[in-house]
Amino acid sequence: MPLDAPERLREVFAAVLDVLAEVGYARFNMDLVAGRARASKASLYQRWPSKARLITEALKANLPELAQPDEGTFAEDVRQIMRSWSEPSPFDTAGIFLGLLEGSRQDADLAYLREEHVDRAYTAPLQVAVDRAKARGELPPDLDAGILITALVSTFVLRSDEQGVTDSIVDGLVRPLIG
């Protein structure tokens, strides 16, 4: 089956994300992916000239359906957005995030691609929620949305293995922030 067939791409991308989660970015290589996906290393390099590009494509292909709620309050919008982030995944999400963070420190191409194609998919709904909250007067107009969004995402990623993390973030961080 050709590498660009949809089923074959899913197999390759699953192998990419599994390898990244297991070994991290520094030890990630095309040989490991080729072995796991039963593909040739040459065919992987022919389609994806770098591991950063292969990882980014695998992430883009496996982005979850992300919510863009309008619940009427910033806190409830954030709660629904974060719940969409925590939908069950067949992949080791924490391992993938750690691999991405590690890799982004070492590889400027990965950092750029991750920010451009993956981070924005997760942060765009929060930006919309912040903009609506500012328009409703829930958040101060001069609030730095980038810092708030980074704080929400970082807290979620660092605590994503905890039960009830979404409610803890919303009730312990967002609600006090907005009064």
N, C-alpha and C. Protein backbone atom coordinates (compact mmCIF):
# COMPACT_ATOMS: atom_id res chain seq x y z
N MET A 1 0.85 -1.18 0.00
CA MET A 1 0.00 0.00 0.00
C MET A 1 0.90 1.24 0.00
N PRO A 2 0.61 2.19 -0.88
CA PRO A 2 1.46 3.39 -0.96
C PRO A 2 1.40 4.22 0.33
N LEU A 3 2.49 4.90 0.58
CA LEU A 3 2.62 5.68 1.80
C LEU A 3 1.60 6.81 1.90
N ASP A 4 1.08 7.28 0.77
CA ASP A 4 0.12 8.38 0.83
C ASP A 4 -1.34 7.91 0.91
N ALA A 5 -1.57 6.61 0.98
CA ALA A 5 -2.94 6.11 1.19
C ALA A 5 -3.36 6.49 2.61
N PRO A 6 -4.61 6.91 2.79
CA PRO A 6 -5.04 7.38 4.11
C PRO A 6 -4.79 6.40 5.25
N GLU A 7 -5.06 5.11 5.04
CA GLU A 7 -4.84 4.12 6.10
C GLU A 7 -3.35 4.02 6.44
N ARG A 8 -2.54 4.08 5.39
CA ARG A 8 -1.09 3.97 5.59
C ARG A 8 -0.55 5.19 6.32
N LEU A 9 -1.04 6.36 5.97
CA LEU A 9 -0.63 7.58 6.67
C LEU A 9 -1.00 7.50 8.15
N ARG A 10 -2.21 7.01 8.46
CA ARG A 10 -2.60 6.87 9.86
C ARG A 10 -1.64 5.96 10.61
N GLU A 11 -1.22 4.85 9.98
CA GLU A 11 -0.27 3.94 10.61
C GLU A 11 1.07 4.62 10.87
N VAL A 12 1.56 5.33 9.87
CA VAL A 12 2.84 6.02 10.01
C VAL A 12 2.75 7.09 11.09
N PHE A 13 1.70 7.88 11.06
CA PHE A 13 1.55 8.95 12.04
C PHE A 13 1.39 8.40 13.46
N ALA A 14 0.69 7.28 13.61
CA ALA A 14 0.57 6.65 14.92
C ALA A 14 1.95 6.20 15.41
N ALA A 15 2.74 5.64 14.50
CA ALA A 15 4.10 5.22 14.87
C ALA A 15 4.94 6.43 15.29
N VAL A 16 4.81 7.53 14.56
CA VAL A 16 5.56 8.75 14.88
C VAL A 16 5.24 9.22 16.30
N LEU A 17 3.96 9.33 16.62
CA LEU A 17 3.57 9.85 17.93
C LEU A 17 3.93 8.88 19.05
N ASP A 18 3.82 7.59 18.80
CA ASP A 18 4.23 6.60 19.80
C ASP A 18 5.73 6.68 20.07
N VAL A 19 6.52 6.77 19.02
CA VAL A 19 7.98 6.85 19.18
C VAL A 19 8.36 8.14 19.90
N LEU A 20 7.77 9.26 19.51
CA LEU A 20 8.07 10.53 20.17
C LEU A 20 7.76 10.45 21.66
N ALA A 21 6.60 9.91 22.01
CA ALA A 21 6.22 9.81 23.42
C ALA A 21 7.15 8.87 24.19
N GLU A 22 7.62 7.82 23.54
CA GLU A 22 8.46 6.83 24.22
C GLU A 22 9.91 7.28 24.39
N VAL A 23 10.50 7.88 23.36
CA VAL A 23 11.95 8.15 23.42
C VAL A 23 12.30 9.63 23.48
N GLY A 24 11.31 10.51 23.28
CA GLY A 24 11.60 11.94 23.27
C GLY A 24 12.15 12.38 21.93
N TYR A 25 12.39 13.66 21.81
CA TYR A 25 12.81 14.22 20.52
C TYR A 25 14.27 13.91 20.20
N ALA A 26 15.14 14.00 21.18
CA ALA A 26 16.57 13.81 20.91
C ALA A 26 16.86 12.42 20.35
N ARG A 27 16.18 11.40 20.85
CA ARG A 27 16.43 10.03 20.39
C ARG A 27 15.47 9.58 19.29
N PHE A 28 14.52 10.42 18.96
CA PHE A 28 13.58 10.13 17.86
C PHE A 28 14.37 10.10 16.55
N ASN A 29 14.14 9.08 15.73
CA ASN A 29 14.77 9.05 14.42
C ASN A 29 13.92 8.27 13.43
N MET A 30 14.25 8.45 12.16
CA MET A 30 13.47 7.81 11.09
C MET A 30 13.58 6.29 11.15
N ASP A 31 14.71 5.77 11.60
CA ASP A 31 14.86 4.31 11.72
C ASP A 31 13.80 3.73 12.66
N LEU A 32 13.63 4.38 13.81
CA LEU A 32 12.63 3.89 14.77
C LEU A 32 11.22 3.92 14.19
N VAL A 33 10.91 5.01 13.50
CA VAL A 33 9.58 5.13 12.90
C VAL A 33 9.41 4.10 11.78
N ALA A 34 10.42 3.97 10.94
CA ALA A 34 10.34 3.01 9.83
C ALA A 34 10.11 1.60 10.36
N GLY A 35 10.82 1.21 11.40
CA GLY A 35 10.63 -0.11 11.98
C GLY A 35 9.25 -0.29 12.56
N ARG A 36 8.77 0.69 13.27
CA ARG A 36 7.45 0.60 13.90
C ARG A 36 6.34 0.60 12.85
N ALA A 37 6.51 1.40 11.79
CA ALA A 37 5.47 1.55 10.78
C ALA A 37 5.63 0.58 9.61
N ARG A 38 6.66 -0.24 9.66
CA ARG A 38 6.95 -1.17 8.57
C ARG A 38 7.03 -0.40 7.24
N ALA A 39 7.87 0.61 7.23
CA ALA A 39 8.09 1.45 6.05
C ALA A 39 9.60 1.60 5.86
N SER A 40 9.99 2.02 4.69
CA SER A 40 11.43 2.26 4.47
C SER A 40 11.79 3.67 4.94
N LYS A 41 12.98 3.76 5.47
CA LYS A 41 13.47 5.06 5.91
C LYS A 41 13.54 6.02 4.72
N ALA A 42 13.95 5.50 3.57
CA ALA A 42 14.06 6.34 2.36
C ALA A 42 12.69 6.93 1.98
N SER A 43 11.63 6.13 2.09
CA SER A 43 10.31 6.66 1.72
C SER A 43 9.85 7.73 2.72
N LEU A 44 10.23 7.57 3.97
CA LEU A 44 9.89 8.61 4.96
C LEU A 44 10.62 9.91 4.64
N TYR A 45 11.93 9.81 4.38
CA TYR A 45 12.71 11.02 4.07
C TYR A 45 12.27 11.66 2.75
N GLN A 46 11.81 10.82 1.82
CA GLN A 46 11.37 11.37 0.54
C GLN A 46 10.15 12.27 0.73
N ARG A 47 9.29 11.88 1.63
CA ARG A 47 8.07 12.66 1.86
C ARG A 47 8.26 13.75 2.92
N TRP A 48 9.03 13.45 3.97
CA TRP A 48 9.28 14.39 5.05
C TRP A 48 10.79 14.54 5.23
N PRO A 49 11.35 15.66 4.81
CA PRO A 49 12.81 15.81 4.81
C PRO A 49 13.45 15.94 6.19
N SER A 50 12.63 16.10 7.22
CA SER A 50 13.20 16.22 8.56
C SER A 50 12.25 15.61 9.57
N LYS A 51 12.80 15.24 10.71
CA LYS A 51 11.93 14.68 11.76
C LYS A 51 10.97 15.74 12.28
N ALA A 52 11.37 16.99 12.27
CA ALA A 52 10.47 18.07 12.72
C ALA A 52 9.23 18.13 11.83
N ARG A 53 9.41 18.02 10.54
CA ARG A 53 8.28 18.09 9.62
C ARG A 53 7.39 16.85 9.73
N LEU A 54 8.01 15.68 9.92
CA LEU A 54 7.23 14.45 10.08
C LEU A 54 6.39 14.51 11.36
N ILE A 55 7.00 14.94 12.45
CA ILE A 55 6.28 15.04 13.72
C ILE A 55 5.13 16.04 13.62
N THR A 56 5.39 17.18 13.01
CA THR A 56 4.36 18.21 12.87
C THR A 56 3.18 17.69 12.04
N GLU A 57 3.47 17.00 10.95
CA GLU A 57 2.38 16.44 10.13
C GLU A 57 1.58 15.41 10.91
N ALA A 58 2.27 14.58 11.70
CA ALA A 58 1.57 13.58 12.51
C ALA A 58 0.67 14.26 13.54
N LEU A 59 1.16 15.33 14.14
CA LEU A 59 0.35 16.06 15.13
C LEU A 59 -0.86 16.72 14.47
N LYS A 60 -0.64 17.35 13.34
CA LYS A 60 -1.75 18.01 12.64
C LYS A 60 -2.83 17.00 12.25
N ALA A 61 -2.40 15.83 11.81
CA ALA A 61 -3.35 14.80 11.38
C ALA A 61 -4.13 14.22 12.56
N ASN A 62 -3.61 14.39 13.77
CA ASN A 62 -4.25 13.79 14.94
C ASN A 62 -4.76 14.82 15.94
N LEU A 63 -4.95 16.06 15.48
CA LEU A 63 -5.52 17.07 16.37
C LEU A 63 -6.94 16.66 16.74
N PRO A 64 -7.28 16.77 18.02
CA PRO A 64 -8.66 16.44 18.39
C PRO A 64 -9.63 17.51 17.91
N GLU A 65 -10.90 17.18 17.94
CA GLU A 65 -11.94 18.17 17.64
C GLU A 65 -11.96 19.15 18.81
N LEU A 66 -11.58 20.39 18.56
CA LEU A 66 -11.46 21.36 19.64
C LEU A 66 -12.70 22.26 19.68
N ALA A 67 -13.19 22.46 20.88
CA ALA A 67 -14.42 23.22 21.08
C ALA A 67 -14.21 24.72 20.90
N GLN A 68 -15.24 25.40 20.43
CA GLN A 68 -15.30 26.86 20.43
C GLN A 68 -16.65 27.25 21.01
N PRO A 69 -16.78 27.06 22.33
CA PRO A 69 -18.07 27.31 22.96
C PRO A 69 -18.33 28.80 23.16
N ASP A 70 -19.59 29.10 23.37
CA ASP A 70 -19.99 30.44 23.80
C ASP A 70 -21.02 30.22 24.90
N GLU A 71 -20.51 30.00 26.11
CA GLU A 71 -21.35 29.67 27.26
C GLU A 71 -21.86 30.91 28.00
N GLY A 72 -21.43 32.08 27.56
CA GLY A 72 -21.89 33.30 28.19
C GLY A 72 -20.95 33.86 29.24
N THR A 73 -20.02 33.04 29.72
CA THR A 73 -19.01 33.54 30.68
C THR A 73 -17.66 32.99 30.28
N PHE A 74 -16.63 33.74 30.62
CA PHE A 74 -15.27 33.33 30.31
C PHE A 74 -14.92 32.02 31.01
N ALA A 75 -15.28 31.91 32.27
CA ALA A 75 -14.95 30.70 33.03
C ALA A 75 -15.56 29.46 32.38
N GLU A 76 -16.80 29.54 31.98
CA GLU A 76 -17.45 28.37 31.38
C GLU A 76 -16.92 28.08 29.98
N ASP A 77 -16.56 29.14 29.24
CA ASP A 77 -15.93 28.91 27.94
C ASP A 77 -14.61 28.16 28.12
N VAL A 78 -13.79 28.60 29.08
CA VAL A 78 -12.50 27.95 29.35
C VAL A 78 -12.73 26.50 29.78
N ARG A 79 -13.71 26.28 30.64
CA ARG A 79 -14.01 24.92 31.10
C ARG A 79 -14.32 24.00 29.90
N GLN A 80 -15.16 24.47 28.98
CA GLN A 80 -15.53 23.64 27.83
C GLN A 80 -14.35 23.43 26.88
N ILE A 81 -13.55 24.46 26.68
CA ILE A 81 -12.37 24.33 25.81
C ILE A 81 -11.42 23.29 26.38
N MET A 82 -11.13 23.39 27.67
CA MET A 82 -10.20 22.45 28.29
C MET A 82 -10.76 21.03 28.33
N ARG A 83 -12.05 20.91 28.48
CA ARG A 83 -12.64 19.56 28.43
C ARG A 83 -12.44 18.95 27.05
N SER A 84 -12.50 19.78 26.01
CA SER A 84 -12.26 19.23 24.67
C SER A 84 -10.80 18.79 24.52
N TRP A 85 -9.89 19.46 25.24
CA TRP A 85 -8.48 19.06 25.20
C TRP A 85 -8.27 17.70 25.87
N SER A 86 -9.10 17.39 26.85
CA SER A 86 -8.86 16.19 27.63
C SER A 86 -9.69 14.99 27.17
N GLU A 87 -10.26 15.11 25.98
CA GLU A 87 -10.96 13.95 25.42
C GLU A 87 -9.97 12.79 25.32
N PRO A 88 -10.43 11.57 25.51
CA PRO A 88 -9.52 10.43 25.44
C PRO A 88 -8.78 10.39 24.10
N SER A 89 -7.51 10.04 24.19
CA SER A 89 -6.64 9.96 23.02
C SER A 89 -5.95 8.60 23.01
N PRO A 90 -5.72 8.05 21.83
CA PRO A 90 -5.00 6.78 21.77
C PRO A 90 -3.51 6.94 22.00
N PHE A 91 -3.06 8.17 22.20
CA PHE A 91 -1.63 8.44 22.33
C PHE A 91 -1.29 8.92 23.73
N ASP A 92 -0.04 8.79 24.09
CA ASP A 92 0.49 9.27 25.36
C ASP A 92 0.69 10.78 25.24
N THR A 93 -0.37 11.53 25.53
CA THR A 93 -0.35 12.98 25.32
C THR A 93 0.75 13.66 26.13
N ALA A 94 0.92 13.26 27.38
CA ALA A 94 1.96 13.88 28.21
C ALA A 94 3.34 13.62 27.61
N GLY A 95 3.59 12.40 27.15
CA GLY A 95 4.88 12.07 26.53
C GLY A 95 5.12 12.87 25.27
N ILE A 96 4.07 13.05 24.49
CA ILE A 96 4.18 13.85 23.26
C ILE A 96 4.50 15.30 23.59
N PHE A 97 3.77 15.88 24.56
CA PHE A 97 4.04 17.27 24.96
C PHE A 97 5.48 17.43 25.45
N LEU A 98 5.93 16.50 26.27
CA LEU A 98 7.31 16.58 26.77
C LEU A 98 8.31 16.48 25.62
N GLY A 99 8.07 15.57 24.68
CA GLY A 99 8.94 15.45 23.52
C GLY A 99 8.96 16.72 22.70
N LEU A 100 7.79 17.35 22.54
CA LEU A 100 7.72 18.60 21.79
C LEU A 100 8.46 19.73 22.50
N LEU A 101 8.29 19.82 23.81
CA LEU A 101 9.00 20.87 24.56
C LEU A 101 10.50 20.68 24.47
N GLU A 102 10.95 19.44 24.66
CA GLU A 102 12.37 19.12 24.55
C GLU A 102 12.88 19.47 23.16
N GLY A 103 12.18 19.01 22.15
CA GLY A 103 12.60 19.24 20.78
C GLY A 103 12.60 20.70 20.38
N SER A 104 11.62 21.44 20.88
CA SER A 104 11.53 22.86 20.54
C SER A 104 12.71 23.66 21.09
N ARG A 105 13.30 23.18 22.15
CA ARG A 105 14.50 23.85 22.70
C ARG A 105 15.73 23.56 21.84
N GLN A 106 15.73 22.43 21.15
CA GLN A 106 16.90 22.01 20.38
C GLN A 106 16.79 22.32 18.89
N ASP A 107 15.58 22.43 18.39
CA ASP A 107 15.37 22.50 16.94
C ASP A 107 14.44 23.67 16.63
N ALA A 108 15.01 24.72 16.06
CA ALA A 108 14.23 25.92 15.75
C ALA A 108 13.13 25.63 14.73
N ASP A 109 13.38 24.70 13.81
CA ASP A 109 12.37 24.35 12.82
C ASP A 109 11.16 23.71 13.51
N LEU A 110 11.40 22.80 14.44
CA LEU A 110 10.30 22.18 15.18
C LEU A 110 9.55 23.24 15.99
N ALA A 111 10.27 24.12 16.64
CA ALA A 111 9.62 25.17 17.45
C ALA A 111 8.70 26.02 16.58
N TYR A 112 9.18 26.40 15.41
CA TYR A 112 8.37 27.22 14.50
C TYR A 112 7.15 26.44 14.01
N LEU A 113 7.38 25.22 13.54
CA LEU A 113 6.28 24.40 13.01
C LEU A 113 5.24 24.09 14.09
N ARG A 114 5.72 23.77 15.29
CA ARG A 114 4.80 23.47 16.39
C ARG A 114 3.94 24.68 16.71
N GLU A 115 4.59 25.83 16.81
CA GLU A 115 3.85 27.05 17.13
C GLU A 115 2.85 27.40 16.04
N GLU A 116 3.28 27.30 14.81
CA GLU A 116 2.45 27.69 13.67
C GLU A 116 1.27 26.75 13.44
N HIS A 117 1.48 25.46 13.60
CA HIS A 117 0.46 24.49 13.19
C HIS A 117 -0.26 23.79 14.33
N VAL A 118 0.37 23.67 15.48
CA VAL A 118 -0.24 22.92 16.57
C VAL A 118 -0.69 23.85 17.68
N ASP A 119 0.21 24.68 18.17
CA ASP A 119 -0.14 25.57 19.28
C ASP A 119 -1.35 26.44 18.94
N ARG A 120 -1.37 26.98 17.75
CA ARG A 120 -2.47 27.87 17.36
C ARG A 120 -3.81 27.15 17.35
N ALA A 121 -3.80 25.86 17.01
CA ALA A 121 -5.05 25.11 17.02
C ALA A 121 -5.63 25.04 18.43
N TYR A 122 -4.74 24.97 19.43
CA TYR A 122 -5.19 24.90 20.82
C TYR A 122 -5.48 26.28 21.40
N THR A 123 -4.70 27.28 21.01
CA THR A 123 -4.85 28.59 21.64
C THR A 123 -5.90 29.48 20.96
N ALA A 124 -6.22 29.21 19.71
CA ALA A 124 -7.20 30.06 19.01
C ALA A 124 -8.55 30.11 19.72
N PRO A 125 -9.11 28.97 20.19
CA PRO A 125 -10.38 29.07 20.91
C PRO A 125 -10.27 29.90 22.20
N LEU A 126 -9.13 29.81 22.88
CA LEU A 126 -8.95 30.62 24.09
C LEU A 126 -8.87 32.11 23.73
N GLN A 127 -8.22 32.44 22.63
CA GLN A 127 -8.14 33.84 22.21
C GLN A 127 -9.52 34.39 21.93
N VAL A 128 -10.37 33.61 21.26
CA VAL A 128 -11.75 34.04 20.99
C VAL A 128 -12.49 34.26 22.30
N ALA A 129 -12.31 33.33 23.25
CA ALA A 129 -12.98 33.45 24.55
C ALA A 129 -12.50 34.69 25.30
N VAL A 130 -11.20 34.97 25.26
CA VAL A 130 -10.66 36.17 25.91
C VAL A 130 -11.24 37.42 25.27
N ASP A 131 -11.26 37.46 23.95
CA ASP A 131 -11.79 38.64 23.25
C ASP A 131 -13.26 38.88 23.60
N ARG A 132 -14.05 37.80 23.66
CA ARG A 132 -15.46 37.96 24.04
C ARG A 132 -15.58 38.43 25.48
N ALA A 133 -14.75 37.88 26.37
CA ALA A 133 -14.81 38.26 27.79
C ALA A 133 -14.43 39.73 27.96
N LYS A 134 -13.46 40.20 27.19
CA LYS A 134 -13.10 41.62 27.25
C LYS A 134 -14.27 42.48 26.77
N ALA A 135 -14.91 42.05 25.69
CA ALA A 135 -16.04 42.81 25.15
C ALA A 135 -17.21 42.85 26.13
N ARG A 136 -17.40 41.78 26.91
CA ARG A 136 -18.47 41.74 27.92
C ARG A 136 -18.07 42.46 29.20
N GLY A 137 -16.81 42.86 29.33
CA GLY A 137 -16.35 43.52 30.54
C GLY A 137 -15.93 42.57 31.64
N GLU A 138 -15.84 41.28 31.35
CA GLU A 138 -15.40 40.30 32.35
C GLU A 138 -13.90 40.38 32.62
N LEU A 139 -13.16 40.73 31.59
CA LEU A 139 -11.70 40.86 31.72
C LEU A 139 -11.31 42.29 31.38
N PRO A 140 -10.29 42.81 32.05
CA PRO A 140 -9.86 44.17 31.75
C PRO A 140 -9.36 44.30 30.30
N PRO A 141 -9.65 45.40 29.65
CA PRO A 141 -9.26 45.55 28.24
C PRO A 141 -7.75 45.49 28.03
N ASP A 142 -6.97 45.86 29.06
CA ASP A 142 -5.51 45.86 28.90
C ASP A 142 -4.86 44.56 29.36
N LEU A 143 -5.65 43.55 29.69
CA LEU A 143 -5.11 42.26 30.09
C LEU A 143 -4.29 41.66 28.95
N ASP A 144 -3.12 41.15 29.26
CA ASP A 144 -2.26 40.51 28.26
C ASP A 144 -2.81 39.11 27.99
N ALA A 145 -3.53 38.97 26.88
CA ALA A 145 -4.16 37.70 26.54
C ALA A 145 -3.12 36.60 26.35
N GLY A 146 -1.98 36.94 25.77
CA GLY A 146 -0.94 35.94 25.53
C GLY A 146 -0.43 35.31 26.81
N ILE A 147 -0.23 36.13 27.83
CA ILE A 147 0.23 35.61 29.12
C ILE A 147 -0.84 34.75 29.77
N LEU A 148 -2.08 35.21 29.72
CA LEU A 148 -3.17 34.43 30.31
C LEU A 148 -3.32 33.08 29.60
N ILE A 149 -3.29 33.09 28.28
CA ILE A 149 -3.43 31.85 27.52
C ILE A 149 -2.26 30.91 27.80
N THR A 150 -1.06 31.44 27.86
CA THR A 150 0.11 30.62 28.18
C THR A 150 -0.03 30.01 29.57
N ALA A 151 -0.51 30.79 30.52
CA ALA A 151 -0.70 30.27 31.88
C ALA A 151 -1.73 29.15 31.90
N LEU A 152 -2.83 29.32 31.18
CA LEU A 152 -3.86 28.29 31.14
C LEU A 152 -3.35 27.01 30.47
N VAL A 153 -2.71 27.16 29.33
CA VAL A 153 -2.20 25.98 28.60
C VAL A 153 -1.12 25.28 29.42
N SER A 154 -0.19 26.05 29.97
CA SER A 154 0.91 25.46 30.74
C SER A 154 0.41 24.72 31.96
N THR A 155 -0.50 25.32 32.66
CA THR A 155 -1.05 24.67 33.85
C THR A 155 -1.77 23.39 33.46
N PHE A 156 -2.52 23.43 32.38
CA PHE A 156 -3.22 22.23 31.93
C PHE A 156 -2.23 21.13 31.56
N VAL A 157 -1.20 21.47 30.78
CA VAL A 157 -0.23 20.46 30.34
C VAL A 157 0.51 19.87 31.53
N LEU A 158 0.94 20.72 32.46
CA LEU A 158 1.70 20.24 33.61
C LEU A 158 0.88 19.39 34.55
N ARG A 159 -0.43 19.60 34.56
CA ARG A 159 -1.29 18.87 35.51
C ARG A 159 -2.30 17.97 34.82
N SER A 160 -2.11 17.71 33.53
CA SER A 160 -3.11 16.98 32.75
C SER A 160 -3.34 15.55 33.21
N ASP A 161 -2.43 15.01 34.01
CA ASP A 161 -2.64 13.64 34.48
C ASP A 161 -3.46 13.59 35.77
N GLU A 162 -3.82 14.75 36.30
CA GLU A 162 -4.60 14.80 37.54
C GLU A 162 -6.09 14.74 37.24
N GLN A 163 -6.80 14.04 38.08
CA GLN A 163 -8.26 13.98 37.98
C GLN A 163 -8.85 15.36 38.26
N GLY A 164 -9.76 15.81 37.43
CA GLY A 164 -10.44 17.07 37.67
C GLY A 164 -9.59 18.31 37.43
N VAL A 165 -8.53 18.19 36.64
CA VAL A 165 -7.64 19.33 36.43
C VAL A 165 -8.37 20.51 35.81
N THR A 166 -9.29 20.26 34.89
CA THR A 166 -10.01 21.35 34.24
C THR A 166 -10.80 22.16 35.26
N ASP A 167 -11.54 21.48 36.12
CA ASP A 167 -12.32 22.20 37.13
C ASP A 167 -11.40 22.93 38.11
N SER A 168 -10.27 22.33 38.46
CA SER A 168 -9.32 22.99 39.36
C SER A 168 -8.78 24.28 38.76
N ILE A 169 -8.47 24.25 37.47
CA ILE A 169 -7.94 25.44 36.81
C ILE A 169 -9.01 26.53 36.72
N VAL A 170 -10.20 26.14 36.30
CA VAL A 170 -11.28 27.13 36.15
C VAL A 170 -11.68 27.69 37.51
N ASP A 171 -11.92 26.81 38.49
CA ASP A 171 -12.41 27.27 39.77
C ASP A 171 -11.31 27.88 40.64
N GLY A 172 -10.07 27.44 40.45
CA GLY A 172 -8.98 27.94 41.30
C GLY A 172 -8.17 29.06 40.68
N LEU A 173 -8.24 29.22 39.38
CA LEU A 173 -7.45 30.26 38.71
C LEU A 173 -8.33 31.26 37.96
N VAL A 174 -9.21 30.78 37.11
CA VAL A 174 -9.98 31.68 36.27
C VAL A 174 -11.04 32.44 37.05
N ARG A 175 -11.83 31.74 37.85
CA ARG A 175 -12.89 32.44 38.60
C ARG A 175 -12.33 33.52 39.53
N PRO A 176 -11.27 33.23 40.32
CA PRO A 176 -10.71 34.32 41.12
C PRO A 176 -10.18 35.48 40.29
N LEU A 177 -9.64 35.18 39.12
CA LEU A 177 -9.10 36.22 38.24
C LEU A 177 -10.21 37.17 37.80
N ILE A 178 -11.36 36.62 37.45
CA ILE A 178 -12.43 37.48 36.93
C ILE A 178 -13.39 37.95 38.03
N GLY A 179 -13.17 37.47 39.27
CA GLY A 179 -13.99 37.93 40.38
C GLY A 179 -15.34 37.28 40.38
